């Protein structure tokens, strides 16, 4: 077991399981039409895989540029997934939205006109 970790092979085994998971989820999505969105899911798995590859690079004493590159790829995939999910939910807005232009408590609201109990 120690050699699996020292050589980084443990990460390769886990990545194989992640690939099987991705394949299974894609088949499930295609057959049933239910499940998570394909692109965000793949970006999520890419982000996780890049983190595992950063771990592997660390286990095999790769230089810091290799570790940093895997971490940067993970971050980029994570941001891509967030952008896709927020756009799909209709909540990706930059700047003020209509929701923030609506007034909060006004003089006609019950909360504004409530009397103190003291």
N, C-alpha and C. Protein backbone atom coordinates (compact mmCIF):
# COMPACT_ATOMS: atom_id res chain seq x y z
N UNK A 1 0.83 -1.19 0.00
CA UNK A 1 0.00 0.00 0.00
C UNK A 1 0.87 1.25 0.00
N UNK A 2 1.98 1.21 0.73
CA UNK A 2 2.87 2.36 0.79
C UNK A 2 3.39 2.74 -0.59
N UNK A 3 3.66 1.72 -1.41
CA UNK A 3 4.19 2.00 -2.76
C UNK A 3 3.14 2.68 -3.64
N UNK A 4 1.86 2.39 -3.41
CA UNK A 4 0.80 3.05 -4.17
C UNK A 4 0.84 4.55 -3.94
N UNK A 5 1.08 4.96 -2.71
CA UNK A 5 1.13 6.38 -2.38
C UNK A 5 2.45 7.01 -2.82
N UNK A 6 3.54 6.31 -2.57
CA UNK A 6 4.86 6.86 -2.90
C UNK A 6 5.02 7.07 -4.40
N UNK A 7 4.43 6.20 -5.19
CA UNK A 7 4.55 6.31 -6.65
C UNK A 7 3.48 7.19 -7.27
N UNK A 8 2.46 7.55 -6.50
CA UNK A 8 1.35 8.33 -7.04
C UNK A 8 0.32 7.49 -7.76
N UNK A 9 0.49 6.19 -7.76
CA UNK A 9 -0.45 5.30 -8.46
C UNK A 9 -1.85 5.35 -7.84
N UNK A 10 -1.92 5.65 -6.55
CA UNK A 10 -3.23 5.74 -5.91
C UNK A 10 -4.10 6.79 -6.59
N UNK A 11 -3.48 7.89 -6.98
CA UNK A 11 -4.22 8.95 -7.66
C UNK A 11 -4.69 8.46 -9.03
N UNK A 12 -3.86 7.69 -9.71
CA UNK A 12 -4.27 7.16 -11.01
C UNK A 12 -5.46 6.21 -10.87
N UNK A 13 -5.47 5.41 -9.82
CA UNK A 13 -6.62 4.53 -9.57
C UNK A 13 -7.88 5.35 -9.31
N UNK A 14 -7.75 6.38 -8.50
CA UNK A 14 -8.91 7.23 -8.20
C UNK A 14 -9.40 7.94 -9.46
N UNK A 15 -8.47 8.41 -10.28
CA UNK A 15 -8.86 9.07 -11.54
C UNK A 15 -9.59 8.10 -12.46
N UNK A 16 -9.20 6.84 -12.44
CA UNK A 16 -9.93 5.83 -13.22
C UNK A 16 -11.36 5.69 -12.74
N UNK A 17 -11.55 5.72 -11.42
CA UNK A 17 -12.91 5.66 -10.86
C UNK A 17 -13.71 6.90 -11.22
N UNK A 18 -13.06 8.06 -11.22
CA UNK A 18 -13.75 9.30 -11.60
C UNK A 18 -14.16 9.23 -13.07
N UNK A 19 -13.30 8.68 -13.92
CA UNK A 19 -13.65 8.53 -15.34
C UNK A 19 -14.84 7.60 -15.51
N UNK A 20 -14.88 6.52 -14.75
CA UNK A 20 -16.04 5.62 -14.80
C UNK A 20 -17.30 6.32 -14.30
N UNK A 21 -17.15 7.13 -13.26
CA UNK A 21 -18.29 7.90 -12.75
C UNK A 21 -18.82 8.85 -13.82
N UNK A 22 -17.91 9.55 -14.49
CA UNK A 22 -18.32 10.49 -15.55
C UNK A 22 -19.05 9.75 -16.66
N UNK A 23 -18.49 8.62 -17.06
CA UNK A 23 -19.12 7.83 -18.12
C UNK A 23 -20.51 7.35 -17.70
N UNK A 24 -20.60 6.85 -16.48
CA UNK A 24 -21.90 6.39 -15.98
C UNK A 24 -22.92 7.51 -15.90
N UNK A 25 -22.50 8.69 -15.43
CA UNK A 25 -23.43 9.81 -15.35
C UNK A 25 -23.86 10.29 -16.73
N UNK A 26 -22.96 10.28 -17.69
CA UNK A 26 -23.32 10.69 -19.04
C UNK A 26 -24.32 9.71 -19.67
N UNK A 27 -24.08 8.41 -19.46
CA UNK A 27 -25.02 7.41 -19.97
C UNK A 27 -26.39 7.58 -19.30
N UNK A 28 -26.38 7.76 -17.99
CA UNK A 28 -27.64 7.97 -17.24
C UNK A 28 -28.39 9.20 -17.77
N UNK A 29 -27.66 10.28 -17.97
CA UNK A 29 -28.28 11.52 -18.46
C UNK A 29 -28.87 11.32 -19.85
N UNK A 30 -28.12 10.64 -20.70
CA UNK A 30 -28.59 10.43 -22.08
C UNK A 30 -29.81 9.51 -22.12
N UNK A 31 -29.81 8.48 -21.30
CA UNK A 31 -30.92 7.51 -21.32
C UNK A 31 -32.19 8.03 -20.66
N UNK A 32 -32.04 8.74 -19.56
CA UNK A 32 -33.22 9.14 -18.79
C UNK A 32 -33.61 10.59 -19.00
N UNK A 33 -32.66 11.41 -19.44
CA UNK A 33 -32.94 12.84 -19.55
C UNK A 33 -32.97 13.52 -18.20
N UNK A 34 -32.68 12.77 -17.13
CA UNK A 34 -32.66 13.32 -15.78
C UNK A 34 -31.23 13.37 -15.28
N UNK A 35 -31.00 14.19 -14.33
CA UNK A 35 -29.66 14.28 -13.75
C UNK A 35 -29.10 15.67 -13.93
N UNK A 36 -27.84 15.78 -13.67
CA UNK A 36 -27.18 17.07 -13.72
C UNK A 36 -26.88 17.47 -15.17
N UNK A 37 -26.64 18.73 -15.38
CA UNK A 37 -26.27 19.22 -16.71
C UNK A 37 -24.90 18.68 -17.09
N UNK A 38 -24.71 18.29 -18.34
CA UNK A 38 -23.49 17.62 -18.76
C UNK A 38 -22.25 18.51 -18.65
N UNK A 39 -22.28 19.71 -19.20
CA UNK A 39 -21.08 20.55 -19.19
C UNK A 39 -20.65 20.96 -17.79
N UNK A 40 -21.56 21.45 -16.94
CA UNK A 40 -21.12 21.77 -15.58
C UNK A 40 -20.57 20.56 -14.83
N UNK A 41 -21.19 19.39 -15.05
CA UNK A 41 -20.72 18.19 -14.38
C UNK A 41 -19.31 17.84 -14.84
N UNK A 42 -19.06 17.92 -16.13
CA UNK A 42 -17.73 17.61 -16.64
C UNK A 42 -16.70 18.62 -16.15
N UNK A 43 -17.07 19.88 -16.05
CA UNK A 43 -16.15 20.88 -15.50
C UNK A 43 -15.88 20.61 -14.02
N UNK A 44 -16.90 20.18 -13.29
CA UNK A 44 -16.72 19.83 -11.89
C UNK A 44 -15.75 18.66 -11.75
N UNK A 45 -15.93 17.64 -12.55
CA UNK A 45 -15.04 16.48 -12.51
C UNK A 45 -13.63 16.86 -12.96
N UNK A 46 -13.52 17.76 -13.94
CA UNK A 46 -12.20 18.22 -14.38
C UNK A 46 -11.50 18.96 -13.25
N UNK A 47 -12.23 19.79 -12.53
CA UNK A 47 -11.65 20.51 -11.40
C UNK A 47 -11.13 19.53 -10.35
N UNK A 48 -11.92 18.54 -10.03
CA UNK A 48 -11.49 17.54 -9.04
C UNK A 48 -10.32 16.72 -9.53
N UNK A 49 -10.34 16.36 -10.81
CA UNK A 49 -9.23 15.58 -11.37
C UNK A 49 -7.94 16.39 -11.35
N UNK A 50 -8.02 17.67 -11.65
CA UNK A 50 -6.83 18.51 -11.61
C UNK A 50 -6.29 18.63 -10.19
N UNK A 51 -7.16 18.69 -9.20
CA UNK A 51 -6.71 18.70 -7.81
C UNK A 51 -5.99 17.40 -7.47
N UNK A 52 -6.54 16.29 -7.94
CA UNK A 52 -5.88 15.00 -7.69
C UNK A 52 -4.54 14.92 -8.40
N UNK A 53 -4.44 15.48 -9.59
CA UNK A 53 -3.17 15.49 -10.29
C UNK A 53 -2.15 16.40 -9.60
N UNK A 54 -2.63 17.46 -8.96
CA UNK A 54 -1.73 18.29 -8.15
C UNK A 54 -1.22 17.49 -6.96
N UNK A 55 -2.10 16.70 -6.36
CA UNK A 55 -1.69 15.82 -5.27
C UNK A 55 -0.65 14.82 -5.75
N UNK A 56 -0.90 14.22 -6.91
CA UNK A 56 0.05 13.25 -7.46
C UNK A 56 1.40 13.91 -7.72
N UNK A 57 1.37 15.11 -8.29
CA UNK A 57 2.63 15.81 -8.54
C UNK A 57 3.38 16.05 -7.23
N UNK A 58 2.65 16.34 -6.18
CA UNK A 58 3.28 16.54 -4.88
C UNK A 58 3.85 15.23 -4.34
N UNK A 59 3.09 14.14 -4.49
CA UNK A 59 3.55 12.84 -3.98
C UNK A 59 4.83 12.36 -4.66
N UNK A 60 4.98 12.67 -5.94
CA UNK A 60 6.16 12.21 -6.67
C UNK A 60 7.25 13.27 -6.70
N UNK A 61 7.12 14.29 -5.85
CA UNK A 61 8.12 15.36 -5.73
C UNK A 61 8.37 16.11 -7.04
N UNK A 62 7.29 16.38 -7.75
CA UNK A 62 7.42 17.22 -8.95
C UNK A 62 7.70 18.65 -8.48
N UNK A 63 8.19 19.45 -9.36
CA UNK A 63 8.49 20.83 -9.00
C UNK A 63 7.22 21.63 -8.75
N UNK A 64 7.40 22.77 -8.10
CA UNK A 64 6.25 23.60 -7.78
C UNK A 64 5.53 24.11 -9.02
N UNK A 65 6.21 24.33 -10.19
CA UNK A 65 5.45 24.80 -11.36
C UNK A 65 4.41 23.77 -11.83
N UNK A 66 4.72 22.50 -11.71
CA UNK A 66 3.76 21.46 -12.12
C UNK A 66 2.55 21.47 -11.18
N UNK A 67 2.82 21.57 -9.89
CA UNK A 67 1.72 21.60 -8.91
C UNK A 67 0.87 22.84 -9.12
N UNK A 68 1.52 23.98 -9.34
CA UNK A 68 0.78 25.24 -9.56
C UNK A 68 -0.05 25.17 -10.83
N UNK A 69 0.46 24.53 -11.87
CA UNK A 69 -0.29 24.41 -13.12
C UNK A 69 -1.56 23.59 -12.92
N UNK A 70 -1.45 22.47 -12.19
CA UNK A 70 -2.65 21.66 -11.93
C UNK A 70 -3.65 22.42 -11.07
N UNK A 71 -3.16 23.17 -10.10
CA UNK A 71 -4.06 23.96 -9.27
C UNK A 71 -4.74 25.07 -10.07
N UNK A 72 -4.00 25.69 -10.99
CA UNK A 72 -4.58 26.73 -11.83
C UNK A 72 -5.65 26.15 -12.75
N UNK A 73 -5.39 24.96 -13.30
CA UNK A 73 -6.40 24.31 -14.15
C UNK A 73 -7.65 23.99 -13.33
N UNK A 74 -7.46 23.51 -12.12
CA UNK A 74 -8.60 23.21 -11.26
C UNK A 74 -9.43 24.46 -10.99
N UNK A 75 -8.76 25.56 -10.71
CA UNK A 75 -9.45 26.81 -10.44
C UNK A 75 -10.22 27.29 -11.67
N UNK A 76 -9.60 27.21 -12.84
CA UNK A 76 -10.26 27.64 -14.08
C UNK A 76 -11.50 26.79 -14.36
N UNK A 77 -11.38 25.48 -14.17
CA UNK A 77 -12.53 24.60 -14.39
C UNK A 77 -13.64 24.90 -13.38
N UNK A 78 -13.26 25.18 -12.15
CA UNK A 78 -14.25 25.52 -11.12
C UNK A 78 -14.99 26.80 -11.47
N UNK A 79 -14.24 27.83 -11.90
CA UNK A 79 -14.90 29.07 -12.31
C UNK A 79 -15.81 28.86 -13.51
N UNK A 80 -15.38 28.04 -14.46
CA UNK A 80 -16.22 27.73 -15.62
C UNK A 80 -17.52 27.06 -15.21
N UNK A 81 -17.41 26.12 -14.27
CA UNK A 81 -18.62 25.44 -13.81
C UNK A 81 -19.57 26.42 -13.11
N UNK A 82 -19.01 27.26 -12.26
CA UNK A 82 -19.86 28.24 -11.57
C UNK A 82 -20.56 29.16 -12.56
N UNK A 83 -19.83 29.62 -13.56
CA UNK A 83 -20.43 30.51 -14.56
C UNK A 83 -21.56 29.82 -15.31
N UNK A 84 -21.35 28.56 -15.72
CA UNK A 84 -22.40 27.83 -16.43
C UNK A 84 -23.63 27.61 -15.56
N UNK A 85 -23.41 27.22 -14.32
CA UNK A 85 -24.54 26.96 -13.43
C UNK A 85 -25.31 28.24 -13.10
N UNK A 86 -24.58 29.32 -12.88
CA UNK A 86 -25.26 30.59 -12.58
C UNK A 86 -25.99 31.12 -13.80
N UNK A 87 -25.42 30.97 -14.97
CA UNK A 87 -26.09 31.41 -16.19
C UNK A 87 -27.35 30.58 -16.42
N UNK A 88 -27.27 29.27 -16.17
CA UNK A 88 -28.43 28.39 -16.36
C UNK A 88 -29.54 28.75 -15.37
N UNK A 89 -29.15 29.18 -14.18
CA UNK A 89 -30.15 29.56 -13.17
C UNK A 89 -30.66 30.98 -13.37
N UNK A 90 -30.07 31.69 -14.31
CA UNK A 90 -30.49 33.05 -14.57
C UNK A 90 -30.02 34.03 -13.52
N UNK A 91 -28.99 33.65 -12.77
CA UNK A 91 -28.54 34.53 -11.70
C UNK A 91 -27.16 35.11 -11.94
N UNK A 92 -26.66 35.03 -13.16
CA UNK A 92 -25.35 35.60 -13.45
C UNK A 92 -25.54 37.02 -13.95
N UNK A 93 -25.47 37.95 -13.02
CA UNK A 93 -25.64 39.36 -13.36
C UNK A 93 -24.47 40.14 -12.80
N UNK A 94 -24.01 41.07 -13.56
CA UNK A 94 -22.97 41.96 -13.09
C UNK A 94 -23.58 43.35 -13.02
N UNK A 95 -23.50 43.96 -11.87
CA UNK A 95 -24.14 45.26 -11.69
C UNK A 95 -25.47 45.10 -10.99
N UNK A 96 -26.20 46.17 -10.93
CA UNK A 96 -27.48 46.15 -10.22
C UNK A 96 -28.55 45.47 -11.05
N UNK A 97 -29.38 44.72 -10.39
CA UNK A 97 -30.49 44.04 -11.05
C UNK A 97 -31.79 44.67 -10.59
N UNK A 98 -32.87 44.30 -11.22
CA UNK A 98 -34.19 44.83 -10.88
C UNK A 98 -34.52 44.56 -9.42
N UNK A 99 -34.11 43.41 -8.92
CA UNK A 99 -34.42 43.05 -7.53
C UNK A 99 -33.90 44.10 -6.56
N UNK A 100 -32.73 44.65 -6.84
CA UNK A 100 -32.14 45.62 -5.93
C UNK A 100 -32.71 47.02 -6.12
N UNK A 101 -33.46 47.25 -7.16
CA UNK A 101 -34.09 48.55 -7.38
C UNK A 101 -35.42 48.65 -6.66
N UNK A 102 -35.98 47.51 -6.27
CA UNK A 102 -37.26 47.52 -5.58
C UNK A 102 -37.05 48.02 -4.16
N UNK A 103 -37.98 48.80 -3.65
CA UNK A 103 -37.81 49.31 -2.29
C UNK A 103 -37.96 48.20 -1.27
N UNK A 104 -37.33 48.40 -0.13
CA UNK A 104 -37.48 47.47 0.98
C UNK A 104 -38.68 47.89 1.81
N UNK A 105 -38.46 48.15 3.06
CA UNK A 105 -39.53 48.59 3.95
C UNK A 105 -39.90 50.03 3.62
N UNK A 106 -41.15 50.27 3.42
CA UNK A 106 -41.62 51.63 3.13
C UNK A 106 -42.65 52.03 4.18
N UNK A 107 -43.09 53.26 4.10
CA UNK A 107 -44.05 53.76 5.08
C UNK A 107 -45.38 53.00 5.04
N UNK A 108 -45.67 52.34 3.93
CA UNK A 108 -46.94 51.61 3.84
C UNK A 108 -46.82 50.18 4.37
N UNK A 109 -45.61 49.73 4.69
CA UNK A 109 -45.44 48.37 5.20
C UNK A 109 -45.80 48.28 6.67
N UNK A 110 -46.34 47.13 7.04
CA UNK A 110 -46.72 46.90 8.43
C UNK A 110 -45.52 47.00 9.36
N UNK A 111 -44.37 46.51 8.94
CA UNK A 111 -43.18 46.53 9.78
C UNK A 111 -42.73 47.96 10.07
N UNK A 112 -42.91 48.83 9.12
CA UNK A 112 -42.48 50.22 9.29
C UNK A 112 -43.35 50.93 10.32
N UNK A 113 -44.62 50.58 10.35
CA UNK A 113 -45.58 51.27 11.22
C UNK A 113 -45.85 50.54 12.52
N UNK A 114 -45.11 49.48 12.82
CA UNK A 114 -45.32 48.70 14.05
C UNK A 114 -45.00 49.56 15.26
N UNK A 115 -45.77 49.41 16.30
CA UNK A 115 -45.55 50.15 17.54
C UNK A 115 -44.65 49.34 18.46
N UNK A 116 -43.83 50.01 19.18
CA UNK A 116 -42.95 49.36 20.14
C UNK A 116 -43.79 48.81 21.28
N UNK A 117 -43.40 47.65 21.81
CA UNK A 117 -44.12 47.01 22.91
C UNK A 117 -43.72 47.59 24.26
N UNK A 118 -42.71 48.41 24.31
CA UNK A 118 -42.26 48.97 25.59
C UNK A 118 -42.93 50.27 25.91
